[in-house]
């Protein structure tokens, strides 16, 4: 039974990470999107982070700042894509 729950939890976190990546205009989830998925989850790690003051809004802002810093380190002064997810028919997600 533990293996089944592990698979279900992993799939749920993966889906949430992909959704979070799409909020940033990305089609692939990176480790920072997995962190956001954990913050959103009802699993013990998510509960612990929220109990320690990590809010979804603050975590998303930290990821946005990280992305902006990465671009700036390359000498690029460009705006990040508009935040928001756009669920397509069939359950696929794509950036707006």
C-alpha atoms as a PDB file:
ATOM      1  CA  UNK A   1       0.000   0.000   0.000  1.00  0.00           C
ATOM      2  CA  UNK A   2       2.874   2.395   0.691  1.00  0.00           C
ATOM      3  CA  UNK A   3       4.137   2.022  -2.860  1.00  0.00           C
ATOM      4  CA  UNK A   4       0.738   2.931  -4.278  1.00  0.00           C
ATOM      5  CA  UNK A   5       0.536   6.032  -2.071  1.00  0.00           C
ATOM      6  CA  UNK A   6       4.077   6.996  -3.050  1.00  0.00           C
ATOM      7  CA  UNK A   7       3.172   6.784  -6.736  1.00  0.00           C
ATOM      8  CA  UNK A   8      -0.024   8.786  -6.226  1.00  0.00           C
ATOM      9  CA  UNK A   9       1.829  11.463  -4.222  1.00  0.00           C
ATOM     10  CA  UNK A  10       4.622  11.632  -6.802  1.00  0.00           C
ATOM     11  CA  UNK A  11       2.175  12.028  -9.659  1.00  0.00           C
ATOM     12  CA  UNK A  12       0.293  14.726  -7.771  1.00  0.00           C
ATOM     13  CA  UNK A  13       3.500  16.650  -7.058  1.00  0.00           C
ATOM     14  CA  UNK A  14       4.642  16.271 -10.667  1.00  0.00           C
ATOM     15  CA  UNK A  15       1.353  17.630 -11.980  1.00  0.00           C
ATOM     16  CA  UNK A  16       1.433  20.559  -9.543  1.00  0.00           C
ATOM     17  CA  UNK A  17       5.066  21.306 -10.484  1.00  0.00           C
ATOM     18  CA  UNK A  18       4.157  21.374 -14.188  1.00  0.00           C
ATOM     19  CA  UNK A  19       1.253  23.710 -13.421  1.00  0.00           C
ATOM     20  CA  UNK A  20       3.566  25.981 -11.451  1.00  0.00           C
ATOM     21  CA  UNK A  21       6.097  25.986 -14.302  1.00  0.00           C
ATOM     22  CA  UNK A  22       3.325  27.017 -16.692  1.00  0.00           C
ATOM     23  CA  UNK A  23       2.568  29.995 -14.459  1.00  0.00           C
ATOM     24  CA  UNK A  24       6.051  31.208 -15.370  1.00  0.00           C
ATOM     25  CA  UNK A  25       5.630  30.534 -19.064  1.00  0.00           C
ATOM     26  CA  UNK A  26       7.703  27.356 -18.986  1.00  0.00           C
ATOM     27  CA  UNK A  27       6.731  23.974 -20.363  1.00  0.00           C
ATOM     28  CA  UNK A  28       9.082  21.968 -18.145  1.00  0.00           C
ATOM     29  CA  UNK A  29       9.257  21.912 -14.379  1.00  0.00           C
ATOM     30  CA  UNK A  30      12.563  22.577 -12.631  1.00  0.00           C
ATOM     31  CA  UNK A  31      13.442  22.030  -8.991  1.00  0.00           C
ATOM     32  CA  UNK A  32      11.986  25.405  -7.967  1.00  0.00           C
ATOM     33  CA  UNK A  33       8.622  24.354  -9.408  1.00  0.00           C
ATOM     34  CA  UNK A  34       8.778  21.117  -7.431  1.00  0.00           C
ATOM     35  CA  UNK A  35       9.396  23.218  -4.308  1.00  0.00           C
ATOM     36  CA  UNK A  36       6.269  25.252  -5.105  1.00  0.00           C
ATOM     37  CA  UNK A  37       4.326  22.008  -5.556  1.00  0.00           C
ATOM     38  CA  UNK A  38       5.505  20.828  -2.140  1.00  0.00           C
ATOM     39  CA  UNK A  39       4.459  24.139  -0.548  1.00  0.00           C
ATOM     40  CA  UNK A  40       1.002  23.664  -2.075  1.00  0.00           C
ATOM     41  CA  UNK A  41       0.674  20.019  -1.038  1.00  0.00           C
ATOM     42  CA  UNK A  42      -1.108  18.671   1.999  1.00  0.00           C
ATOM     43  CA  UNK A  43       1.757  16.267   2.613  1.00  0.00           C
ATOM     44  CA  UNK A  44       3.783  16.672   5.800  1.00  0.00           C
ATOM     45  CA  UNK A  45       6.564  18.608   4.016  1.00  0.00           C
ATOM     46  CA  UNK A  46       4.077  21.156   2.679  1.00  0.00           C
ATOM     47  CA  UNK A  47       2.428  21.517   6.062  1.00  0.00           C
ATOM     48  CA  UNK A  48       5.819  21.997   7.722  1.00  0.00           C
ATOM     49  CA  UNK A  49       6.864  24.693   5.256  1.00  0.00           C
ATOM     50  CA  UNK A  50       3.582  26.572   5.657  1.00  0.00           C
ATOM     51  CA  UNK A  51       3.802  26.275   9.463  1.00  0.00           C
ATOM     52  CA  UNK A  52       7.259  27.856   9.206  1.00  0.00           C
ATOM     53  CA  UNK A  53       5.826  30.840   7.340  1.00  0.00           C
ATOM     54  CA  UNK A  54       6.473  29.813   3.741  1.00  0.00           C
ATOM     55  CA  UNK A  55       3.400  31.012   1.879  1.00  0.00           C
ATOM     56  CA  UNK A  56       2.601  30.148  -1.712  1.00  0.00           C
ATOM     57  CA  UNK A  57       2.700  33.841  -2.655  1.00  0.00           C
ATOM     58  CA  UNK A  58       6.122  34.373  -1.085  1.00  0.00           C
ATOM     59  CA  UNK A  59       7.504  31.184  -2.621  1.00  0.00           C
ATOM     60  CA  UNK A  60       6.217  32.168  -6.080  1.00  0.00           C
ATOM     61  CA  UNK A  61       7.774  35.615  -5.698  1.00  0.00           C
ATOM     62  CA  UNK A  62      11.087  34.027  -4.708  1.00  0.00           C
ATOM     63  CA  UNK A  63      10.979  31.853  -7.851  1.00  0.00           C
ATOM     64  CA  UNK A  64      10.141  34.898 -10.007  1.00  0.00           C
ATOM     65  CA  UNK A  65      13.077  36.764  -8.441  1.00  0.00           C
ATOM     66  CA  UNK A  66      15.357  33.782  -9.083  1.00  0.00           C
ATOM     67  CA  UNK A  67      14.340  33.683 -12.746  1.00  0.00           C
ATOM     68  CA  UNK A  68      14.893  37.440 -13.096  1.00  0.00           C
ATOM     69  CA  UNK A  69      18.321  37.151 -11.446  1.00  0.00           C
ATOM     70  CA  UNK A  70      19.298  34.340 -13.830  1.00  0.00           C
ATOM     71  CA  UNK A  71      18.379  36.485 -16.837  1.00  0.00           C
ATOM     72  CA  UNK A  72      20.171  39.523 -15.416  1.00  0.00           C
ATOM     73  CA  UNK A  73      23.323  37.450 -14.816  1.00  0.00           C
ATOM     74  CA  UNK A  74      23.376  36.828 -18.564  1.00  0.00           C
ATOM     75  CA  UNK A  75      23.053  40.539 -19.240  1.00  0.00           C
ATOM     76  CA  UNK A  76      19.476  40.193 -20.438  1.00  0.00           C
ATOM     77  CA  UNK A  77      16.968  42.859 -19.541  1.00  0.00           C
ATOM     78  CA  UNK A  78      13.739  41.198 -20.600  1.00  0.00           C
ATOM     79  CA  UNK A  79      10.402  40.749 -18.929  1.00  0.00           C
ATOM     80  CA  UNK A  80       9.347  37.301 -17.828  1.00  0.00           C
ATOM     81  CA  UNK A  81       6.251  35.834 -19.481  1.00  0.00           C
ATOM     82  CA  UNK A  82       2.856  36.757 -18.096  1.00  0.00           C
ATOM     83  CA  UNK A  83       1.938  34.620 -15.093  1.00  0.00           C
ATOM     84  CA  UNK A  84      -1.037  32.338 -15.398  1.00  0.00           C
ATOM     85  CA  UNK A  85      -1.941  28.881 -16.519  1.00  0.00           C
ATOM     86  CA  UNK A  86      -4.021  28.000 -19.522  1.00  0.00           C
ATOM     87  CA  UNK A  87      -5.418  24.468 -19.273  1.00  0.00           C
ATOM     88  CA  UNK A  88      -6.026  23.024 -22.723  1.00  0.00           C
ATOM     89  CA  UNK A  89      -8.756  20.508 -23.514  1.00  0.00           C
ATOM     90  CA  UNK A  90      -7.601  17.022 -22.653  1.00  0.00           C
ATOM     91  CA  UNK A  91      -5.776  18.115 -19.515  1.00  0.00           C
ATOM     92  CA  UNK A  92      -2.583  19.399 -21.131  1.00  0.00           C
ATOM     93  CA  UNK A  93      -1.158  22.616 -19.781  1.00  0.00           C
ATOM     94  CA  UNK A  94       0.567  25.267 -21.809  1.00  0.00           C
ATOM     95  CA  UNK A  95       1.900  28.704 -20.931  1.00  0.00           C
ATOM     96  CA  UNK A  96      -0.161  31.722 -21.845  1.00  0.00           C
END
